[in-house]
Every structure is written in C-alpha cells, then in structure tokens.
C-alpha cells in the first residue's frame, strides 16, 4: 500500500506541474494512465462501476467524479480537483488535491486552505484508541467553525484490497462514536468542503457531482495508516 500510495502521489505531483490555462482535461487523463501503467500499476478508477477514465477532474462548483473531456480546457481563475487511484500488486492507493489555475480569487484561496486544513484535522485524529467519529467530528468542526460546509452524501472509507471498504467515514459526526481505530487499519480520508450549502446534485452524465447552489467546492484526500503512534500518510511523497 505504501508503493501504491507513492505512485498516486507521483501522479498528483505531475498533474500539478502541468496546470496552466489552456490545458485539455482529456490530455491530463492520458498522462495519469501513462504514469500509473509505467509504474506497473493500474488506474483504480478506469472501468470502476463503468467510469470511463483514469482521472476524476472536477472544476469550480464540481465536487467530485468530474469527467475528463477533449472539449474542456482549464481557464485562468479556475480551481480544479484531481482525484487519482492506483492498484499495485492488488493493493490500493487513493488521493486528491485541489489547486488553482493561474491567479485565483482570494475567496478561492481561502477555500483551498481551509479544505487542506480540514483534511489535516481528520488525519490528526486517526490514532489507535480513537473512533471513526473522532475523525468525522474533527473534519466537520474545522470546516464549519470557519464558515464553510462539508458534503454529506459522499464519505471517506476504508481501503486495502478494494478501493471502497468498510467502514464509511463521513465528513460529519459525533466524537467517540463508530469503529475503534487499531494499528494496521488503512483509510482514505477525503473532506469535500463547500463555499455555500452542503447539498449536491448529479449532472446528466450520471457522474459529475456539483454543489446544488452553484458555489465553489474543494476536495483533498490522503490514504493513511493507523499505527502505534502518529498516523502514516501513504499518499505523500
């Protein structure tokens, strides 16, 4: 899983180097496929429940599961979420990052900073002896105390031989509830934080999730392992 996570981290780093106005999202998807397969791994998302691509690319009000498109190009001022998964020798890695294209508005910068901080708050609670509810509450409290909302229809999750395993880890909840965390457990934590209301809807392509009110959304994710001490982030270089 460390190796799967490293491949995902390398892909996300390569994507961030490519970001500029005028970049085609389908070309980014092809880049993801090439890097993952060159590492003797396979893209987790490609073909998963019929998903047609190796990369989820979600722009501005798109929350998750955005489809790469040959007709879609990144524009100055966009914020774009890249979500990537890789399978290496049967084991999964899964991570996401949201970044700005060129110069972005101050409000967008603040949303990205808060969402990254929200993920860090959840990771900090991923310690043996805590519960999944401690993670959920930390994520919710960090975002809401700063005036943002957390998406409720989509959650973090266990991960290992399958991309989505039990338990689900919602981005909201009560402390000291849920599964007891033990060393060796692995999770994908992925807060999705909205500028406005938490509610979402799915577009006609049956994949792309957008904010119901049309306001911006950001998404950060890491695959982490619970240890005897500090949690280990598996999808960071």
C-alpha atoms as a PDB file:
ATOM      1  CA  UNK A   1       0.000   0.000   0.000  1.00  0.00           C
ATOM      2  CA  UNK A   2       2.938   2.340   0.554  1.00  0.00           C
ATOM      3  CA  UNK A   3       4.027   1.722  -3.028  1.00  0.00           C
ATOM      4  CA  UNK A   4       0.501   2.201  -4.388  1.00  0.00           C
ATOM      5  CA  UNK A   5       0.305   5.427  -2.401  1.00  0.00           C
ATOM      6  CA  UNK A   6       3.646   6.636  -3.718  1.00  0.00           C
ATOM      7  CA  UNK A   7       2.510   6.093  -7.311  1.00  0.00           C
ATOM      8  CA  UNK A   8      -0.622   8.166  -6.631  1.00  0.00           C
ATOM      9  CA  UNK A   9       1.483  10.917  -5.042  1.00  0.00           C
ATOM     10  CA  UNK A  10       3.802  10.981  -8.070  1.00  0.00           C
ATOM     11  CA  UNK A  11       0.811  11.301 -10.404  1.00  0.00           C
ATOM     12  CA  UNK A  12      -0.667  14.204  -8.426  1.00  0.00           C
ATOM     13  CA  UNK A  13       2.711  15.954  -8.422  1.00  0.00           C
ATOM     14  CA  UNK A  14       2.973  15.548 -12.211  1.00  0.00           C
ATOM     15  CA  UNK A  15      -0.547  16.917 -12.697  1.00  0.00           C
ATOM     16  CA  UNK A  16       0.207  19.995 -10.625  1.00  0.00           C
ATOM     17  CA  UNK A  17       3.251  20.705 -12.781  1.00  0.00           C
ATOM     18  CA  UNK A  18       1.034  20.632 -15.901  1.00  0.00           C
ATOM     19  CA  UNK A  19      -1.560  23.089 -14.611  1.00  0.00           C
ATOM     20  CA  UNK A  20      -1.955  26.227 -16.684  1.00  0.00           C
ATOM     21  CA  UNK A  21      -4.738  27.930 -18.663  1.00  0.00           C
ATOM     22  CA  UNK A  22      -5.494  26.137 -21.934  1.00  0.00           C
ATOM     23  CA  UNK A  23      -4.615  22.621 -20.772  1.00  0.00           C
ATOM     24  CA  UNK A  24      -7.046  19.983 -22.028  1.00  0.00           C
ATOM     25  CA  UNK A  25      -8.545  17.718 -19.345  1.00  0.00           C
ATOM     26  CA  UNK A  26      -8.525  14.611 -21.578  1.00  0.00           C
ATOM     27  CA  UNK A  27      -4.766  15.069 -22.073  1.00  0.00           C
ATOM     28  CA  UNK A  28      -4.351  15.101 -18.293  1.00  0.00           C
ATOM     29  CA  UNK A  29      -6.290  11.838 -18.092  1.00  0.00           C
ATOM     30  CA  UNK A  30      -3.923  10.272 -20.626  1.00  0.00           C
ATOM     31  CA  UNK A  31      -0.945  11.492 -18.582  1.00  0.00           C
ATOM     32  CA  UNK A  32      -2.359   9.772 -15.486  1.00  0.00           C
ATOM     33  CA  UNK A  33      -2.805   6.490 -17.355  1.00  0.00           C
ATOM     34  CA  UNK A  34       0.717   6.601 -18.761  1.00  0.00           C
ATOM     35  CA  UNK A  35       2.406   7.288 -15.406  1.00  0.00           C
ATOM     36  CA  UNK A  36       0.442   4.647 -13.497  1.00  0.00           C
ATOM     37  CA  UNK A  37       0.950   1.892 -16.064  1.00  0.00           C
ATOM     38  CA  UNK A  38       4.652   2.750 -16.425  1.00  0.00           C
ATOM     39  CA  UNK A  39       4.909   2.032 -12.675  1.00  0.00           C
ATOM     40  CA  UNK A  40       3.449  -1.451 -13.323  1.00  0.00           C
ATOM     41  CA  UNK A  41       0.207  -0.466 -11.631  1.00  0.00           C
ATOM     42  CA  UNK A  42      -3.365   0.033 -12.897  1.00  0.00           C
ATOM     43  CA  UNK A  43      -5.687   3.053 -12.512  1.00  0.00           C
ATOM     44  CA  UNK A  44      -8.267   2.232  -9.822  1.00  0.00           C
ATOM     45  CA  UNK A  45     -10.989   4.350 -11.398  1.00  0.00           C
ATOM     46  CA  UNK A  46     -10.807   3.143 -15.006  1.00  0.00           C
ATOM     47  CA  UNK A  47     -13.810   0.877 -15.513  1.00  0.00           C
ATOM     48  CA  UNK A  48     -14.878   1.107 -11.852  1.00  0.00           C
ATOM     49  CA  UNK A  49     -18.690   0.840 -11.990  1.00  0.00           C
ATOM     50  CA  UNK A  50     -18.321   1.895 -15.622  1.00  0.00           C
ATOM     51  CA  UNK A  51     -16.261   5.050 -15.007  1.00  0.00           C
ATOM     52  CA  UNK A  52     -14.581   5.800 -18.361  1.00  0.00           C
ATOM     53  CA  UNK A  53     -11.345   7.482 -17.226  1.00  0.00           C
ATOM     54  CA  UNK A  54      -8.245   7.149 -15.031  1.00  0.00           C
ATOM     55  CA  UNK A  55      -8.687  10.623 -13.522  1.00  0.00           C
ATOM     56  CA  UNK A  56     -11.556  12.445 -11.841  1.00  0.00           C
ATOM     57  CA  UNK A  57     -11.181  16.134 -12.721  1.00  0.00           C
ATOM     58  CA  UNK A  58     -13.716  18.438 -11.066  1.00  0.00           C
ATOM     59  CA  UNK A  59     -13.720  22.179 -11.748  1.00  0.00           C
ATOM     60  CA  UNK A  60     -15.119  25.047  -9.648  1.00  0.00           C
ATOM     61  CA  UNK A  61     -18.630  24.055  -8.443  1.00  0.00           C
ATOM     62  CA  UNK A  62     -17.972  20.405  -9.354  1.00  0.00           C
ATOM     63  CA  UNK A  63     -17.428  18.460  -6.131  1.00  0.00           C
ATOM     64  CA  UNK A  64     -16.223  15.012  -7.263  1.00  0.00           C
ATOM     65  CA  UNK A  65     -16.320  12.496 -10.149  1.00  0.00           C
ATOM     66  CA  UNK A  66     -15.873  15.051 -12.934  1.00  0.00           C
ATOM     67  CA  UNK A  67     -15.195  13.502 -16.350  1.00  0.00           C
ATOM     68  CA  UNK A  68     -12.166  14.420 -18.481  1.00  0.00           C
ATOM     69  CA  UNK A  69     -13.318  15.807 -21.823  1.00  0.00           C
ATOM     70  CA  UNK A  70     -11.456  16.537 -25.081  1.00  0.00           C
ATOM     71  CA  UNK A  71     -13.544  19.711 -25.446  1.00  0.00           C
ATOM     72  CA  UNK A  72     -12.835  21.035 -21.957  1.00  0.00           C
ATOM     73  CA  UNK A  73      -9.865  23.228 -21.137  1.00  0.00           C
ATOM     74  CA  UNK A  74      -8.673  24.745 -17.881  1.00  0.00           C
ATOM     75  CA  UNK A  75      -9.174  28.504 -17.628  1.00  0.00           C
ATOM     76  CA  UNK A  76      -7.422  31.251 -15.680  1.00  0.00           C
ATOM     77  CA  UNK A  77      -9.054  31.564 -12.260  1.00  0.00           C
ATOM     78  CA  UNK A  78     -10.495  28.030 -12.139  1.00  0.00           C
ATOM     79  CA  UNK A  79      -9.975  25.771  -9.170  1.00  0.00           C
ATOM     80  CA  UNK A  80      -9.581  22.143 -10.198  1.00  0.00           C
ATOM     81  CA  UNK A  81      -9.704  18.952  -8.139  1.00  0.00           C
ATOM     82  CA  UNK A  82      -7.666  15.940  -9.252  1.00  0.00           C
ATOM     83  CA  UNK A  83      -8.656  12.588  -7.716  1.00  0.00           C
ATOM     84  CA  UNK A  84      -6.445   9.598  -8.550  1.00  0.00           C
ATOM     85  CA  UNK A  85      -6.311   5.933  -7.538  1.00  0.00           C
ATOM     86  CA  UNK A  86      -3.779   3.210  -8.339  1.00  0.00           C
ATOM     87  CA  UNK A  87      -3.688  -0.550  -7.788  1.00  0.00           C
ATOM     88  CA  UNK A  88      -0.220  -2.014  -7.210  1.00  0.00           C
ATOM     89  CA  UNK A  89       0.118  -5.778  -6.732  1.00  0.00           C
ATOM     90  CA  UNK A  90      -3.532  -5.912  -5.693  1.00  0.00           C
ATOM     91  CA  UNK A  91      -3.423  -3.069  -3.163  1.00  0.00           C
ATOM     92  CA  UNK A  92      -4.977   0.366  -3.478  1.00  0.00           C
ATOM     93  CA  UNK A  93      -3.891   3.973  -3.053  1.00  0.00           C
ATOM     94  CA  UNK A  94      -6.302   6.911  -3.366  1.00  0.00           C
ATOM     95  CA  UNK A  95      -5.719  10.666  -3.004  1.00  0.00           C
ATOM     96  CA  UNK A  96      -6.947  14.032  -4.234  1.00  0.00           C
ATOM     97  CA  UNK A  97      -5.825  17.638  -4.294  1.00  0.00           C
ATOM     98  CA  UNK A  98      -7.472  20.891  -5.387  1.00  0.00           C
ATOM     99  CA  UNK A  99      -5.364  23.639  -6.944  1.00  0.00           C
ATOM    100  CA  UNK A 100      -5.786  26.974  -8.661  1.00  0.00           C
ATOM    101  CA  UNK A 101      -5.242  27.629 -12.378  1.00  0.00           C
ATOM    102  CA  UNK A 102      -3.148  30.766 -12.741  1.00  0.00           C
ATOM    103  CA  UNK A 103      -4.245  33.602 -10.460  1.00  0.00           C
ATOM    104  CA  UNK A 104      -7.376  32.763  -8.455  1.00  0.00           C
ATOM    105  CA  UNK A 105      -9.678  34.871  -6.283  1.00  0.00           C
ATOM    106  CA  UNK A 106      -8.893  35.384  -2.605  1.00  0.00           C
ATOM    107  CA  UNK A 107     -12.119  33.573  -1.653  1.00  0.00           C
ATOM    108  CA  UNK A 108     -10.995  30.539  -3.662  1.00  0.00           C
ATOM    109  CA  UNK A 109      -7.559  30.612  -1.988  1.00  0.00           C
ATOM    110  CA  UNK A 110      -9.236  30.631   1.402  1.00  0.00           C
ATOM    111  CA  UNK A 111     -11.483  27.692   0.461  1.00  0.00           C
ATOM    112  CA  UNK A 112      -8.443  25.642  -0.604  1.00  0.00           C
ATOM    113  CA  UNK A 113      -6.543  26.478   2.581  1.00  0.00           C
ATOM    114  CA  UNK A 114      -9.476  25.563   4.810  1.00  0.00           C
ATOM    115  CA  UNK A 115     -10.135  22.289   2.973  1.00  0.00           C
ATOM    116  CA  UNK A 116      -6.477  21.266   3.277  1.00  0.00           C
ATOM    117  CA  UNK A 117      -6.627  22.138   6.978  1.00  0.00           C
ATOM    118  CA  UNK A 118      -9.802  20.118   7.341  1.00  0.00           C
ATOM    119  CA  UNK A 119      -8.044  17.010   5.984  1.00  0.00           C
ATOM    120  CA  UNK A 120      -5.112  17.614   8.341  1.00  0.00           C
ATOM    121  CA  UNK A 121      -7.532  17.842  11.286  1.00  0.00           C
ATOM    122  CA  UNK A 122      -9.059  14.486  10.342  1.00  0.00           C
ATOM    123  CA  UNK A 123      -5.664  12.840   9.941  1.00  0.00           C
ATOM    124  CA  UNK A 124      -4.582  14.103  13.358  1.00  0.00           C
ATOM    125  CA  UNK A 125      -7.461  12.165  14.951  1.00  0.00           C
ATOM    126  CA  UNK A 126      -6.548   8.921  13.134  1.00  0.00           C
ATOM    127  CA  UNK A 127      -4.816   7.384  16.120  1.00  0.00           C
ATOM    128  CA  UNK A 128      -5.187   3.990  17.789  1.00  0.00           C
ATOM    129  CA  UNK A 129      -7.770   4.199  20.563  1.00  0.00           C
ATOM    130  CA  UNK A 130      -9.827   6.895  18.858  1.00  0.00           C
ATOM    131  CA  UNK A 131     -13.006   6.185  16.903  1.00  0.00           C
ATOM    132  CA  UNK A 132     -14.041   6.980  13.344  1.00  0.00           C
ATOM    133  CA  UNK A 133     -16.447   9.521  14.839  1.00  0.00           C
ATOM    134  CA  UNK A 134     -13.480  11.476  16.198  1.00  0.00           C
ATOM    135  CA  UNK A 135     -12.203  11.860  12.626  1.00  0.00           C
ATOM    136  CA  UNK A 136     -15.651  12.858  11.327  1.00  0.00           C
ATOM    137  CA  UNK A 137     -16.180  15.426  14.086  1.00  0.00           C
ATOM    138  CA  UNK A 138     -12.726  16.980  13.612  1.00  0.00           C
ATOM    139  CA  UNK A 139     -13.379  17.436   9.889  1.00  0.00           C
ATOM    140  CA  UNK A 140     -16.840  18.931  10.425  1.00  0.00           C
ATOM    141  CA  UNK A 141     -15.763  21.231  13.248  1.00  0.00           C
ATOM    142  CA  UNK A 142     -12.730  22.596  11.375  1.00  0.00           C
ATOM    143  CA  UNK A 143     -14.754  23.489   8.282  1.00  0.00           C
ATOM    144  CA  UNK A 144     -17.936  24.760   9.940  1.00  0.00           C
ATOM    145  CA  UNK A 145     -16.111  26.860  12.529  1.00  0.00           C
ATOM    146  CA  UNK A 146     -14.594  28.764   9.582  1.00  0.00           C
ATOM    147  CA  UNK A 147     -17.927  29.362   7.863  1.00  0.00           C
ATOM    148  CA  UNK A 148     -17.911  26.513   5.334  1.00  0.00           C
ATOM    149  CA  UNK A 149     -19.985  23.346   4.958  1.00  0.00           C
ATOM    150  CA  UNK A 150     -18.951  19.713   4.463  1.00  0.00           C
ATOM    151  CA  UNK A 151     -20.563  17.492   1.839  1.00  0.00           C
ATOM    152  CA  UNK A 152     -22.628  14.766   3.487  1.00  0.00           C
ATOM    153  CA  UNK A 153     -23.628  12.475   0.609  1.00  0.00           C
ATOM    154  CA  UNK A 154     -20.053  11.284  -0.080  1.00  0.00           C
ATOM    155  CA  UNK A 155     -17.646   9.986   2.527  1.00  0.00           C
ATOM    156  CA  UNK A 156     -14.181   8.762   3.370  1.00  0.00           C
ATOM    157  CA  UNK A 157     -13.772   4.996   3.540  1.00  0.00           C
ATOM    158  CA  UNK A 158     -11.687   2.003   4.379  1.00  0.00           C
ATOM    159  CA  UNK A 159      -9.257   0.972   1.658  1.00  0.00           C
ATOM    160  CA  UNK A 160      -6.984  -2.012   1.008  1.00  0.00           C
ATOM    161  CA  UNK A 161      -7.598  -4.785  -1.500  1.00  0.00           C
ATOM    162  CA  UNK A 162     -10.676  -2.820  -2.629  1.00  0.00           C
ATOM    163  CA  UNK A 163     -10.902   0.915  -3.249  1.00  0.00           C
ATOM    164  CA  UNK A 164     -14.014   1.251  -1.078  1.00  0.00           C
ATOM    165  CA  UNK A 165     -14.139  -0.915   2.044  1.00  0.00           C
ATOM    166  CA  UNK A 166     -15.864  -0.617   5.391  1.00  0.00           C
ATOM    167  CA  UNK A 167     -16.117   1.472   7.407  1.00  0.00           C
ATOM    168  CA  UNK A 168     -17.502   4.604   5.814  1.00  0.00           C
ATOM    169  CA  UNK A 169     -16.063   7.731   7.419  1.00  0.00           C
ATOM    170  CA  UNK A 170     -18.496  10.641   6.948  1.00  0.00           C
ATOM    171  CA  UNK A 171     -17.187  14.205   6.997  1.00  0.00           C
ATOM    172  CA  UNK A 172     -19.549  14.984   9.871  1.00  0.00           C
ATOM    173  CA  UNK A 173     -20.403  13.141  13.071  1.00  0.00           C
ATOM    174  CA  UNK A 174     -20.048  12.761  16.821  1.00  0.00           C
ATOM    175  CA  UNK A 175     -16.804  12.087  18.716  1.00  0.00           C
ATOM    176  CA  UNK A 176     -16.287   8.716  20.425  1.00  0.00           C
ATOM    177  CA  UNK A 177     -18.733   7.019  18.032  1.00  0.00           C
ATOM    178  CA  UNK A 178     -18.189   4.455  15.309  1.00  0.00           C
ATOM    179  CA  UNK A 179     -15.338   1.970  14.791  1.00  0.00           C
ATOM    180  CA  UNK A 180     -12.466   1.748  17.258  1.00  0.00           C
ATOM    181  CA  UNK A 181      -9.181   2.516  15.483  1.00  0.00           C
ATOM    182  CA  UNK A 182      -6.413  -0.083  15.748  1.00  0.00           C
ATOM    183  CA  UNK A 183      -2.853  -0.190  14.366  1.00  0.00           C
ATOM    184  CA  UNK A 184      -2.725  -1.522  10.794  1.00  0.00           C
ATOM    185  CA  UNK A 185      -6.084  -0.108   9.707  1.00  0.00           C
ATOM    186  CA  UNK A 186      -5.973   1.904   6.481  1.00  0.00           C
ATOM    187  CA  UNK A 187      -8.409   4.609   5.436  1.00  0.00           C
ATOM    188  CA  UNK A 188      -8.928   7.137   2.666  1.00  0.00           C
ATOM    189  CA  UNK A 189      -9.992  10.408   4.306  1.00  0.00           C
ATOM    190  CA  UNK A 190     -11.496  12.903   1.873  1.00  0.00           C
ATOM    191  CA  UNK A 191     -13.274  16.027   3.064  1.00  0.00           C
ATOM    192  CA  UNK A 192     -15.231  17.869   0.386  1.00  0.00           C
ATOM    193  CA  UNK A 193     -15.816  21.432   1.565  1.00  0.00           C
ATOM    194  CA  UNK A 194     -18.307  23.853   0.014  1.00  0.00           C
ATOM    195  CA  UNK A 195     -18.318  27.636  -0.036  1.00  0.00           C
ATOM    196  CA  UNK A 196     -22.080  27.577   0.404  1.00  0.00           C
ATOM    197  CA  UNK A 197     -24.600  24.891   1.356  1.00  0.00           C
ATOM    198  CA  UNK A 198     -23.521  21.243   1.712  1.00  0.00           C
ATOM    199  CA  UNK A 199     -26.171  19.856  -0.636  1.00  0.00           C
ATOM    200  CA  UNK A 200     -25.213  18.454  -4.045  1.00  0.00           C
ATOM    201  CA  UNK A 201     -26.746  17.082  -7.232  1.00  0.00           C
ATOM    202  CA  UNK A 202     -25.532  14.828 -10.058  1.00  0.00           C
ATOM    203  CA  UNK A 203     -25.359  16.120 -13.635  1.00  0.00           C
ATOM    204  CA  UNK A 204     -26.930  14.409 -16.655  1.00  0.00           C
ATOM    205  CA  UNK A 205     -23.705  12.470 -17.362  1.00  0.00           C
ATOM    206  CA  UNK A 206     -24.605  10.437 -14.218  1.00  0.00           C
ATOM    207  CA  UNK A 207     -21.119  11.017 -12.757  1.00  0.00           C
ATOM    208  CA  UNK A 208     -20.275  14.662 -12.122  1.00  0.00           C
ATOM    209  CA  UNK A 209     -21.403  15.854  -8.684  1.00  0.00           C
ATOM    210  CA  UNK A 210     -21.918  19.620  -8.313  1.00  0.00           C
ATOM    211  CA  UNK A 211     -22.949  21.925  -5.485  1.00  0.00           C
ATOM    212  CA  UNK A 212     -26.694  22.491  -5.558  1.00  0.00           C
ATOM    213  CA  UNK A 213     -26.264  26.243  -5.108  1.00  0.00           C
ATOM    214  CA  UNK A 214     -23.527  26.547  -7.751  1.00  0.00           C
ATOM    215  CA  UNK A 215     -20.883  27.788  -5.323  1.00  0.00           C
ATOM    216  CA  UNK A 216     -17.282  26.579  -5.254  1.00  0.00           C
ATOM    217  CA  UNK A 217     -16.213  23.258  -3.751  1.00  0.00           C
ATOM    218  CA  UNK A 218     -12.776  21.824  -2.901  1.00  0.00           C
ATOM    219  CA  UNK A 219     -11.637  18.247  -2.252  1.00  0.00           C
ATOM    220  CA  UNK A 220      -8.497  16.950  -0.559  1.00  0.00           C
ATOM    221  CA  UNK A 221      -7.748  13.283   0.190  1.00  0.00           C
ATOM    222  CA  UNK A 222      -4.988  11.062   1.557  1.00  0.00           C
ATOM    223  CA  UNK A 223      -4.742   7.337   2.178  1.00  0.00           C
ATOM    224  CA  UNK A 224      -3.470   6.902   5.737  1.00  0.00           C
ATOM    225  CA  UNK A 225      -2.475   4.049   8.042  1.00  0.00           C
ATOM    226  CA  UNK A 226      -3.187   3.890  11.769  1.00  0.00           C
ATOM    227  CA  UNK A 227      -0.003   2.997  13.689  1.00  0.00           C
ATOM    228  CA  UNK A 228       1.067   2.670  17.328  1.00  0.00           C
ATOM    229  CA  UNK A 229       1.878   6.397  17.215  1.00  0.00           C
ATOM    230  CA  UNK A 230       1.339   9.138  14.643  1.00  0.00           C
ATOM    231  CA  UNK A 231      -0.801   8.218  11.602  1.00  0.00           C
ATOM    232  CA  UNK A 232       1.231   7.484   8.479  1.00  0.00           C
ATOM    233  CA  UNK A 233       0.243   9.255   5.262  1.00  0.00           C
ATOM    234  CA  UNK A 234       0.719   6.735   2.433  1.00  0.00           C
ATOM    235  CA  UNK A 235      -0.035   9.098  -0.470  1.00  0.00           C
ATOM    236  CA  UNK A 236       2.561  11.789   0.209  1.00  0.00           C
ATOM    237  CA  UNK A 237       5.991  11.969  -1.437  1.00  0.00           C
END
